[in-house]
Amino acid sequence: MLFFTQIIFVKAGKEDQFNVFESHVLPLLSKYNGTLVYRVRPAIEQVIASTFGNPYEIHLVTFPSDEDFKAYSGDQERLQFLHLKEASIEKVLLIKGALL
């Protein structure tokens, strides 16, 4: 099982656009055996320390394999909404891991 953590930083004022993107792409996870384990929106006062800034959301997603993750990433329906992500996100930190 592979784990992907995304720490997502959204441009100020673009939160609604990002949320529209998420509403279209998150339901596609199950099509590729993916599971959204956590979707957290931390309040600024909950961030104890950061050298990277305060994230808008943090996601933890699992996929059984790299192939499933790549298939989800290349899904044609997902790709047609990618412009919303590109217009609304300042930066994303993606961390790949495995259950030990």
PDB file of N, CA and C in Angstrom:
ATOM      1  N   MET A   1       0.849  -1.181   0.000  1.00  0.00           N
ATOM      2  CA  MET A   1       0.000   0.000   0.000  1.00  0.00           C
ATOM      3  C   MET A   1       0.888   1.235   0.000  1.00  0.00           C
ATOM      4  N   LEU A   2       0.577   2.161  -0.895  1.00  0.00           N
ATOM      5  CA  LEU A   2       1.318   3.406  -0.986  1.00  0.00           C
ATOM      6  C   LEU A   2       0.485   4.542  -0.412  1.00  0.00           C
ATOM      7  N   PHE A   3       1.154   5.469   0.229  1.00  0.00           N
ATOM      8  CA  PHE A   3       0.504   6.627   0.830  1.00  0.00           C
ATOM      9  C   PHE A   3       1.051   7.887   0.174  1.00  0.00           C
ATOM     10  N   PHE A   4       0.152   8.789  -0.144  1.00  0.00           N
ATOM     11  CA  PHE A   4       0.523  10.068  -0.726  1.00  0.00           C
ATOM     12  C   PHE A   4      -0.068  11.166   0.156  1.00  0.00           C
ATOM     13  N   THR A   5       0.805  11.984   0.693  1.00  0.00           N
ATOM     14  CA  THR A   5       0.374  13.133   1.479  1.00  0.00           C
ATOM     15  C   THR A   5       0.590  14.376   0.636  1.00  0.00           C
ATOM     16  N   GLN A   6      -0.455  15.162   0.512  1.00  0.00           N
ATOM     17  CA  GLN A   6      -0.356  16.439  -0.189  1.00  0.00           C
ATOM     18  C   GLN A   6      -0.598  17.543   0.818  1.00  0.00           C
ATOM     19  N   ILE A   7       0.347  18.461   0.884  1.00  0.00           N
ATOM     20  CA  ILE A   7       0.176  19.673   1.666  1.00  0.00           C
ATOM     21  C   ILE A   7      -0.075  20.771   0.636  1.00  0.00           C
ATOM     22  N   ILE A   8      -1.290  21.320   0.668  1.00  0.00           N
ATOM     23  CA  ILE A   8      -1.784  22.153  -0.424  1.00  0.00           C
ATOM     24  C   ILE A   8      -1.901  23.604   0.024  1.00  0.00           C
ATOM     25  N   PHE A   9      -1.320  24.477  -0.754  1.00  0.00           N
ATOM     26  CA  PHE A   9      -1.350  25.913  -0.510  1.00  0.00           C
ATOM     27  C   PHE A   9      -2.142  26.569  -1.631  1.00  0.00           C
ATOM     28  N   VAL A  10      -3.274  27.173  -1.296  1.00  0.00           N
ATOM     29  CA  VAL A  10      -4.178  27.761  -2.271  1.00  0.00           C
ATOM     30  C   VAL A  10      -3.968  29.277  -2.311  1.00  0.00           C
ATOM     31  N   LYS A  11      -4.046  29.825  -3.509  1.00  0.00           N
ATOM     32  CA  LYS A  11      -3.933  31.281  -3.671  1.00  0.00           C
ATOM     33  C   LYS A  11      -5.087  31.972  -2.950  1.00  0.00           C
ATOM     34  N   ALA A  12      -4.789  33.083  -2.331  1.00  0.00           N
ATOM     35  CA  ALA A  12      -5.821  33.860  -1.622  1.00  0.00           C
ATOM     36  C   ALA A  12      -6.957  34.210  -2.581  1.00  0.00           C
ATOM     37  N   GLY A  13      -8.181  33.966  -2.142  1.00  0.00           N
ATOM     38  CA  GLY A  13      -9.354  34.265  -2.942  1.00  0.00           C
ATOM     39  C   GLY A  13      -9.733  33.196  -3.947  1.00  0.00           C
ATOM     40  N   LYS A  14      -8.937  32.130  -4.057  1.00  0.00           N
ATOM     41  CA  LYS A  14      -9.194  31.063  -5.035  1.00  0.00           C
ATOM     42  C   LYS A  14      -9.703  29.778  -4.374  1.00  0.00           C
ATOM     43  N   GLU A  15     -10.112  29.880  -3.131  1.00  0.00           N
ATOM     44  CA  GLU A  15     -10.563  28.700  -2.385  1.00  0.00           C
ATOM     45  C   GLU A  15     -11.773  28.030  -3.044  1.00  0.00           C
ATOM     46  N   ASP A  16     -12.740  28.822  -3.491  1.00  0.00           N
ATOM     47  CA  ASP A  16     -13.930  28.246  -4.127  1.00  0.00           C
ATOM     48  C   ASP A  16     -13.573  27.494  -5.397  1.00  0.00           C
ATOM     49  N   GLN A  17     -12.670  28.034  -6.184  1.00  0.00           N
ATOM     50  CA  GLN A  17     -12.227  27.385  -7.416  1.00  0.00           C
ATOM     51  C   GLN A  17     -11.537  26.057  -7.095  1.00  0.00           C
ATOM     52  N   PHE A  18     -10.708  26.052  -6.076  1.00  0.00           N
ATOM     53  CA  PHE A  18     -10.046  24.815  -5.653  1.00  0.00           C
ATOM     54  C   PHE A  18     -11.078  23.782  -5.201  1.00  0.00           C
ATOM     55  N   ASN A  19     -12.073  24.215  -4.444  1.00  0.00           N
ATOM     56  CA  ASN A  19     -13.094  23.298  -3.947  1.00  0.00           C
ATOM     57  C   ASN A  19     -13.930  22.708  -5.067  1.00  0.00           C
ATOM     58  N   VAL A  20     -14.166  23.457  -6.135  1.00  0.00           N
ATOM     59  CA  VAL A  20     -14.868  22.916  -7.301  1.00  0.00           C
ATOM     60  C   VAL A  20     -14.013  21.814  -7.935  1.00  0.00           C
ATOM     61  N   PHE A  21     -12.722  22.075  -8.074  1.00  0.00           N
ATOM     62  CA  PHE A  21     -11.816  21.046  -8.597  1.00  0.00           C
ATOM     63  C   PHE A  21     -11.901  19.776  -7.759  1.00  0.00           C
ATOM     64  N   GLU A  22     -11.802  19.924  -6.458  1.00  0.00           N
ATOM     65  CA  GLU A  22     -11.852  18.768  -5.553  1.00  0.00           C
ATOM     66  C   GLU A  22     -13.175  18.015  -5.681  1.00  0.00           C
ATOM     67  N   SER A  23     -14.270  18.725  -5.837  1.00  0.00           N
ATOM     68  CA  SER A  23     -15.579  18.072  -5.933  1.00  0.00           C
ATOM     69  C   SER A  23     -15.684  17.188  -7.172  1.00  0.00           C
ATOM     70  N   HIS A  24     -14.903  17.489  -8.189  1.00  0.00           N
ATOM     71  CA  HIS A  24     -14.913  16.677  -9.410  1.00  0.00           C
ATOM     72  C   HIS A  24     -13.921  15.520  -9.364  1.00  0.00           C
ATOM     73  N   VAL A  25     -12.771  15.723  -8.737  1.00  0.00           N
ATOM     74  CA  VAL A  25     -11.709  14.715  -8.837  1.00  0.00           C
ATOM     75  C   VAL A  25     -11.663  13.728  -7.683  1.00  0.00           C
ATOM     76  N   LEU A  26     -12.048  14.136  -6.494  1.00  0.00           N
ATOM     77  CA  LEU A  26     -11.988  13.196  -5.364  1.00  0.00           C
ATOM     78  C   LEU A  26     -12.884  11.975  -5.554  1.00  0.00           C
ATOM     79  N   PRO A  27     -14.079  12.106  -6.134  1.00  0.00           N
ATOM     80  CA  PRO A  27     -14.892  10.902  -6.363  1.00  0.00           C
ATOM     81  C   PRO A  27     -14.258   9.901  -7.333  1.00  0.00           C
ATOM     82  N   LEU A  28     -13.285  10.343  -8.131  1.00  0.00           N
ATOM     83  CA  LEU A  28     -12.621   9.452  -9.082  1.00  0.00           C
ATOM     84  C   LEU A  28     -11.616   8.516  -8.417  1.00  0.00           C
ATOM     85  N   LEU A  29     -11.219   8.804  -7.189  1.00  0.00           N
ATOM     86  CA  LEU A  29     -10.219   7.977  -6.499  1.00  0.00           C
ATOM     87  C   LEU A  29     -10.612   6.507  -6.489  1.00  0.00           C
ATOM     88  N   SER A  30     -11.850   6.213  -6.149  1.00  0.00           N
ATOM     89  CA  SER A  30     -12.277   4.819  -6.005  1.00  0.00           C
ATOM     90  C   SER A  30     -12.208   4.054  -7.330  1.00  0.00           C
ATOM     91  N   LYS A  31     -12.335   4.757  -8.437  1.00  0.00           N
ATOM     92  CA  LYS A  31     -12.225   4.142  -9.771  1.00  0.00           C
ATOM     93  C   LYS A  31     -10.847   3.503  -9.965  1.00  0.00           C
ATOM     94  N   TYR A  32      -9.858   4.012  -9.241  1.00  0.00           N
ATOM     95  CA  TYR A  32      -8.474   3.539  -9.358  1.00  0.00           C
ATOM     96  C   TYR A  32      -7.978   2.934  -8.045  1.00  0.00           C
ATOM     97  N   ASN A  33      -8.892   2.442  -7.236  1.00  0.00           N
ATOM     98  CA  ASN A  33      -8.572   1.780  -5.959  1.00  0.00           C
ATOM     99  C   ASN A  33      -7.953   2.720  -4.938  1.00  0.00           C
ATOM    100  N   GLY A  34      -8.135   4.014  -5.126  1.00  0.00           N
ATOM    101  CA  GLY A  34      -7.619   4.996  -4.186  1.00  0.00           C
ATOM    102  C   GLY A  34      -8.614   5.272  -3.075  1.00  0.00           C
ATOM    103  N   THR A  35      -8.089   5.670  -1.931  1.00  0.00           N
ATOM    104  CA  THR A  35      -8.917   5.999  -0.777  1.00  0.00           C
ATOM    105  C   THR A  35      -8.423   7.300  -0.168  1.00  0.00           C
ATOM    106  N   LEU A  36      -9.357   8.207   0.057  1.00  0.00           N
ATOM    107  CA  LEU A  36      -9.039   9.444   0.774  1.00  0.00           C
ATOM    108  C   LEU A  36      -9.142   9.130   2.260  1.00  0.00           C
ATOM    109  N   VAL A  37      -8.002   9.002   2.921  1.00  0.00           N
ATOM    110  CA  VAL A  37      -7.956   8.642   4.340  1.00  0.00           C
ATOM    111  C   VAL A  37      -8.234   9.864   5.202  1.00  0.00           C
ATOM    112  N   TYR A  38      -7.595  10.976   4.864  1.00  0.00           N
ATOM    113  CA  TYR A  38      -7.780  12.229   5.599  1.00  0.00           C
ATOM    114  C   TYR A  38      -7.852  13.382   4.615  1.00  0.00           C
ATOM    115  N   ARG A  39      -8.732  14.312   4.917  1.00  0.00           N
ATOM    116  CA  ARG A  39      -8.767  15.616   4.246  1.00  0.00           C
ATOM    117  C   ARG A  39      -8.955  16.623   5.359  1.00  0.00           C
ATOM    118  N   VAL A  40      -7.890  17.348   5.654  1.00  0.00           N
ATOM    119  CA  VAL A  40      -7.873  18.230   6.821  1.00  0.00           C
ATOM    120  C   VAL A  40      -7.634  19.658   6.355  1.00  0.00           C
ATOM    121  N   ARG A  41      -8.373  20.579   6.962  1.00  0.00           N
ATOM    122  CA  ARG A  41      -8.180  22.005   6.708  1.00  0.00           C
ATOM    123  C   ARG A  41      -7.767  22.639   8.034  1.00  0.00           C
ATOM    124  N   PRO A  42      -6.449  22.707   8.288  1.00  0.00           N
ATOM    125  CA  PRO A  42      -5.988  23.192   9.601  1.00  0.00           C
ATOM    126  C   PRO A  42      -6.158  24.700   9.743  1.00  0.00           C
ATOM    127  N   ALA A  43      -6.662  25.097  10.895  1.00  0.00           N
ATOM    128  CA  ALA A  43      -6.744  26.528  11.216  1.00  0.00           C
ATOM    129  C   ALA A  43      -5.327  27.048  11.441  1.00  0.00           C
ATOM    130  N   ILE A  44      -5.095  28.289  11.096  1.00  0.00           N
ATOM    131  CA  ILE A  44      -3.760  28.880  11.196  1.00  0.00           C
ATOM    132  C   ILE A  44      -3.182  28.759  12.608  1.00  0.00           C
ATOM    133  N   GLU A  45      -4.024  28.869  13.629  1.00  0.00           N
ATOM    134  CA  GLU A  45      -3.532  28.779  14.999  1.00  0.00           C
ATOM    135  C   GLU A  45      -3.154  27.340  15.385  1.00  0.00           C
ATOM    136  N   GLN A  46      -3.486  26.366  14.551  1.00  0.00           N
ATOM    137  CA  GLN A  46      -3.118  24.980  14.835  1.00  0.00           C
ATOM    138  C   GLN A  46      -1.750  24.611  14.266  1.00  0.00           C
ATOM    139  N   VAL A  47      -1.194  25.468  13.429  1.00  0.00           N
ATOM    140  CA  VAL A  47       0.141  25.231  12.883  1.00  0.00           C
ATOM    141  C   VAL A  47       1.147  25.737  13.912  1.00  0.00           C
ATOM    142  N   ILE A  48       1.897  24.827  14.482  1.00  0.00           N
ATOM    143  CA  ILE A  48       2.836  25.180  15.556  1.00  0.00           C
ATOM    144  C   ILE A  48       4.105  25.807  14.994  1.00  0.00           C
ATOM    145  N   ALA A  49       4.618  25.221  13.904  1.00  0.00           N
ATOM    146  CA  ALA A  49       5.824  25.756  13.276  1.00  0.00           C
ATOM    147  C   ALA A  49       5.789  25.406  11.802  1.00  0.00           C
ATOM    148  N   SER A  50       6.357  26.282  10.978  1.00  0.00           N
ATOM    149  CA  SER A  50       6.409  26.016   9.541  1.00  0.00           C
ATOM    150  C   SER A  50       7.468  26.896   8.908  1.00  0.00           C
ATOM    151  N   THR A  51       8.246  26.311   8.027  1.00  0.00           N
ATOM    152  CA  THR A  51       9.165  27.090   7.199  1.00  0.00           C
ATOM    153  C   THR A  51       8.648  27.147   5.770  1.00  0.00           C
ATOM    154  N   PHE A  52       7.477  26.556   5.548  1.00  0.00           N
ATOM    155  CA  PHE A  52       6.916  26.434   4.205  1.00  0.00           C
ATOM    156  C   PHE A  52       5.623  27.222   4.051  1.00  0.00           C
ATOM    157  N   GLY A  53       5.091  27.777   5.136  1.00  0.00           N
ATOM    158  CA  GLY A  53       3.835  28.509   5.081  1.00  0.00           C
ATOM    159  C   GLY A  53       2.701  27.696   5.675  1.00  0.00           C
ATOM    160  N   ASN A  54       1.525  28.295   5.726  1.00  0.00           N
ATOM    161  CA  ASN A  54       0.357  27.630   6.304  1.00  0.00           C
ATOM    162  C   ASN A  54      -0.508  27.038   5.196  1.00  0.00           C
ATOM    163  N   PRO A  55      -0.732  25.735   5.228  1.00  0.00           N
ATOM    164  CA  PRO A  55      -1.490  25.094   4.156  1.00  0.00           C
ATOM    165  C   PRO A  55      -2.986  25.369   4.258  1.00  0.00           C
ATOM    166  N   TYR A  56      -3.639  25.291   3.105  1.00  0.00           N
ATOM    167  CA  TYR A  56      -5.098  25.373   3.061  1.00  0.00           C
ATOM    168  C   TYR A  56      -5.700  24.023   3.440  1.00  0.00           C
ATOM    169  N   GLU A  57      -5.134  22.950   2.871  1.00  0.00           N
ATOM    170  CA  GLU A  57      -5.596  21.592   3.174  1.00  0.00           C
ATOM    171  C   GLU A  57      -4.424  20.635   3.191  1.00  0.00           C
ATOM    172  N   ILE A  58      -4.641  19.523   3.881  1.00  0.00           N
ATOM    173  CA  ILE A  58      -3.704  18.402   3.890  1.00  0.00           C
ATOM    174  C   ILE A  58      -4.507  17.155   3.554  1.00  0.00           C
ATOM    175  N   HIS A  59      -4.044  16.412   2.559  1.00  0.00           N
ATOM    176  CA  HIS A  59      -4.718  15.178   2.148  1.00  0.00           C
ATOM    177  C   HIS A  59      -3.783  13.996   2.373  1.00  0.00           C
ATOM    178  N   LEU A  60      -4.346  12.886   2.835  1.00  0.00           N
ATOM    179  CA  LEU A  60      -3.642  11.609   2.865  1.00  0.00           C
ATOM    180  C   LEU A  60      -4.472  10.649   2.039  1.00  0.00           C
ATOM    181  N   VAL A  61      -3.870  10.139   0.959  1.00  0.00           N
ATOM    182  CA  VAL A  61      -4.554   9.258   0.016  1.00  0.00           C
ATOM    183  C   VAL A  61      -3.743   7.980  -0.108  1.00  0.00           C
ATOM    184  N   THR A  62      -4.437   6.838  -0.245  1.00  0.00           N
ATOM    185  CA  THR A  62      -3.745   5.569  -0.452  1.00  0.00           C
ATOM    186  C   THR A  62      -4.116   4.998  -1.821  1.00  0.00           C
ATOM    187  N   PHE A  63      -3.157   4.286  -2.397  1.00  0.00           N
ATOM    188  CA  PHE A  63      -3.341   3.491  -3.612  1.00  0.00           C
ATOM    189  C   PHE A  63      -2.580   2.185  -3.411  1.00  0.00           C
ATOM    190  N   PRO A  64      -3.090   1.090  -3.938  1.00  0.00           N
ATOM    191  CA  PRO A  64      -2.380  -0.181  -3.794  1.00  0.00           C
ATOM    192  C   PRO A  64      -1.051  -0.217  -4.558  1.00  0.00           C
ATOM    193  N   SER A  65      -0.947   0.584  -5.646  1.00  0.00           N
ATOM    194  CA  SER A  65       0.262   0.516  -6.471  1.00  0.00           C
ATOM    195  C   SER A  65       0.516   1.849  -7.171  1.00  0.00           C
ATOM    196  N   ASP A  66       1.734   1.989  -7.666  1.00  0.00           N
ATOM    197  CA  ASP A  66       2.080   3.162  -8.471  1.00  0.00           C
ATOM    198  C   ASP A  66       1.231   3.217  -9.741  1.00  0.00           C
ATOM    199  N   GLU A  67       0.936   2.044 -10.300  1.00  0.00           N
ATOM    200  CA  GLU A  67       0.137   1.988 -11.518  1.00  0.00           C
ATOM    201  C   GLU A  67      -1.250   2.598 -11.288  1.00  0.00           C
ATOM    202  N   ASP A  68      -1.866   2.284 -10.137  1.00  0.00           N
ATOM    203  CA  ASP A  68      -3.174   2.859  -9.815  1.00  0.00           C
ATOM    204  C   ASP A  68      -3.080   4.376  -9.666  1.00  0.00           C
ATOM    205  N   PHE A  69      -2.038   4.835  -8.976  1.00  0.00           N
ATOM    206  CA  PHE A  69      -1.844   6.276  -8.791  1.00  0.00           C
ATOM    207  C   PHE A  69      -1.649   6.972 -10.142  1.00  0.00           C
ATOM    208  N   LYS A  70      -0.833   6.394 -11.011  1.00  0.00           N
ATOM    209  CA  LYS A  70      -0.588   6.990 -12.324  1.00  0.00           C
ATOM    210  C   LYS A  70      -1.846   6.990 -13.178  1.00  0.00           C
ATOM    211  N   ALA A  71      -2.639   5.931 -13.079  1.00  0.00           N
ATOM    212  CA  ALA A  71      -3.898   5.871 -13.834  1.00  0.00           C
ATOM    213  C   ALA A  71      -4.853   6.957 -13.360  1.00  0.00           C
ATOM    214  N   TYR A  72      -4.950   7.159 -12.048  1.00  0.00           N
ATOM    215  CA  TYR A  72      -5.783   8.239 -11.506  1.00  0.00           C
ATOM    216  C   TYR A  72      -5.269   9.598 -11.988  1.00  0.00           C
ATOM    217  N   SER A  73      -3.968   9.794 -11.912  1.00  0.00           N
ATOM    218  CA  SER A  73      -3.375  11.073 -12.321  1.00  0.00           C
ATOM    219  C   SER A  73      -3.659  11.388 -13.787  1.00  0.00           C
ATOM    220  N   GLY A  74      -3.729  10.351 -14.620  1.00  0.00           N
ATOM    221  CA  GLY A  74      -3.957  10.543 -16.051  1.00  0.00           C
ATOM    222  C   GLY A  74      -5.393  10.378 -16.493  1.00  0.00           C
ATOM    223  N   ASP A  75      -6.315  10.230 -15.552  1.00  0.00           N
ATOM    224  CA  ASP A  75      -7.731  10.054 -15.886  1.00  0.00           C
ATOM    225  C   ASP A  75      -8.226  11.238 -16.721  1.00  0.00           C
ATOM    226  N   GLN A  76      -8.887  10.945 -17.831  1.00  0.00           N
ATOM    227  CA  GLN A  76      -9.331  11.993 -18.752  1.00  0.00           C
ATOM    228  C   GLN A  76     -10.345  12.945 -18.114  1.00  0.00           C
ATOM    229  N   GLU A  77     -11.242  12.420 -17.296  1.00  0.00           N
ATOM    230  CA  GLU A  77     -12.204  13.292 -16.616  1.00  0.00           C
ATOM    231  C   GLU A  77     -11.484  14.224 -15.643  1.00  0.00           C
ATOM    232  N   ARG A  78     -10.503  13.681 -14.913  1.00  0.00           N
ATOM    233  CA  ARG A  78      -9.716  14.493 -13.989  1.00  0.00           C
ATOM    234  C   ARG A  78      -8.964  15.591 -14.743  1.00  0.00           C
ATOM    235  N   LEU A  79      -8.386  15.235 -15.871  1.00  0.00           N
ATOM    236  CA  LEU A  79      -7.581  16.189 -16.636  1.00  0.00           C
ATOM    237  C   LEU A  79      -8.405  17.359 -17.166  1.00  0.00           C
ATOM    238  N   GLN A  80      -9.691  17.140 -17.436  1.00  0.00           N
ATOM    239  CA  GLN A  80     -10.486  18.261 -17.948  1.00  0.00           C
ATOM    240  C   GLN A  80     -10.782  19.322 -16.887  1.00  0.00           C
ATOM    241  N   PHE A  81     -10.540  18.993 -15.614  1.00  0.00           N
ATOM    242  CA  PHE A  81     -10.723  19.975 -14.534  1.00  0.00           C
ATOM    243  C   PHE A  81      -9.390  20.492 -13.986  1.00  0.00           C
ATOM    244  N   LEU A  82      -8.290  20.045 -14.556  1.00  0.00           N
ATOM    245  CA  LEU A  82      -6.968  20.420 -14.073  1.00  0.00           C
ATOM    246  C   LEU A  82      -6.730  21.925 -14.123  1.00  0.00           C
ATOM    247  N   HIS A  83      -7.358  22.616 -15.062  1.00  0.00           N
ATOM    248  CA  HIS A  83      -7.186  24.073 -15.154  1.00  0.00           C
ATOM    249  C   HIS A  83      -7.646  24.770 -13.872  1.00  0.00           C
ATOM    250  N   LEU A  84      -8.651  24.195 -13.196  1.00  0.00           N
ATOM    251  CA  LEU A  84      -9.111  24.776 -11.922  1.00  0.00           C
ATOM    252  C   LEU A  84      -8.030  24.659 -10.855  1.00  0.00           C
ATOM    253  N   LYS A  85      -7.363  23.513 -10.833  1.00  0.00           N
ATOM    254  CA  LYS A  85      -6.271  23.309  -9.872  1.00  0.00           C
ATOM    255  C   LYS A  85      -5.119  24.266 -10.174  1.00  0.00           C
ATOM    256  N   GLU A  86      -4.748  24.323 -11.427  1.00  0.00           N
ATOM    257  CA  GLU A  86      -3.617  25.174 -11.819  1.00  0.00           C
ATOM    258  C   GLU A  86      -3.877  26.651 -11.531  1.00  0.00           C
ATOM    259  N   ALA A  87      -5.132  27.082 -11.662  1.00  0.00           N
ATOM    260  CA  ALA A  87      -5.474  28.481 -11.425  1.00  0.00           C
ATOM    261  C   ALA A  87      -5.598  28.809  -9.940  1.00  0.00           C
ATOM    262  N   SER A  88      -5.829  27.790  -9.107  1.00  0.00           N
ATOM    263  CA  SER A  88      -6.121  28.070  -7.698  1.00  0.00           C
ATOM    264  C   SER A  88      -4.994  27.710  -6.729  1.00  0.00           C
ATOM    265  N   ILE A  89      -4.059  26.901  -7.155  1.00  0.00           N
ATOM    266  CA  ILE A  89      -3.026  26.432  -6.232  1.00  0.00           C
ATOM    267  C   ILE A  89      -1.733  27.223  -6.392  1.00  0.00           C
ATOM    268  N   GLU A  90      -1.220  27.663  -5.263  1.00  0.00           N
ATOM    269  CA  GLU A  90       0.075  28.349  -5.229  1.00  0.00           C
ATOM    270  C   GLU A  90       1.212  27.337  -5.298  1.00  0.00           C
ATOM    271  N   LYS A  91       1.120  26.288  -4.443  1.00  0.00           N
ATOM    272  CA  LYS A  91       2.134  25.231  -4.436  1.00  0.00           C
ATOM    273  C   LYS A  91       1.571  24.019  -3.702  1.00  0.00           C
ATOM    274  N   VAL A  92       2.173  22.861  -3.989  1.00  0.00           N
ATOM    275  CA  VAL A  92       1.795  21.601  -3.339  1.00  0.00           C
ATOM    276  C   VAL A  92       3.077  20.860  -2.978  1.00  0.00           C
ATOM    277  N   LEU A  93       3.100  20.364  -1.777  1.00  0.00           N
ATOM    278  CA  LEU A  93       4.183  19.495  -1.345  1.00  0.00           C
ATOM    279  C   LEU A  93       3.614  18.072  -1.340  1.00  0.00           C
ATOM    280  N   LEU A  94       4.150  17.198  -2.187  1.00  0.00           N
ATOM    281  CA  LEU A  94       3.681  15.822  -2.307  1.00  0.00           C
ATOM    282  C   LEU A  94       4.719  14.899  -1.685  1.00  0.00           C
ATOM    283  N   ILE A  95       4.272  14.087  -0.722  1.00  0.00           N
ATOM    284  CA  ILE A  95       5.150  13.159  -0.023  1.00  0.00           C
ATOM    285  C   ILE A  95       4.634  11.752  -0.259  1.00  0.00           C
ATOM    286  N   LYS A  96       5.490  10.907  -0.799  1.00  0.00           N
ATOM    287  CA  LYS A  96       5.120   9.510  -1.072  1.00  0.00           C
ATOM    288  C   LYS A  96       5.745   8.618  -0.013  1.00  0.00           C
ATOM    289  N   GLY A  97       4.935   7.686   0.499  1.00  0.00           N
ATOM    290  CA  GLY A  97       5.436   6.784   1.533  1.00  0.00           C
ATOM    291  C   GLY A  97       4.756   5.431   1.452  1.00  0.00           C
ATOM    292  N   ALA A  98       5.186   4.535   2.315  1.00  0.00           N
ATOM    293  CA  ALA A  98       4.623   3.192   2.378  1.00  0.00           C
ATOM    294  C   ALA A  98       4.433   2.805   3.836  1.00  0.00           C
ATOM    295  N   LEU A  99       3.485   1.917   4.075  1.00  0.00           N
ATOM    296  CA  LEU A  99       3.235   1.405   5.406  1.00  0.00           C
ATOM    297  C   LEU A  99       4.329   0.396   5.750  1.00  0.00           C
ATOM    298  N   LEU A 100       5.007   0.606   6.853  1.00  0.00           N
ATOM    299  CA  LEU A 100       6.103  -0.290   7.237  1.00  0.00           C
ATOM    300  C   LEU A 100       5.669  -1.219   8.344  1.00  0.00           C
TER     301      LEU A 100
END
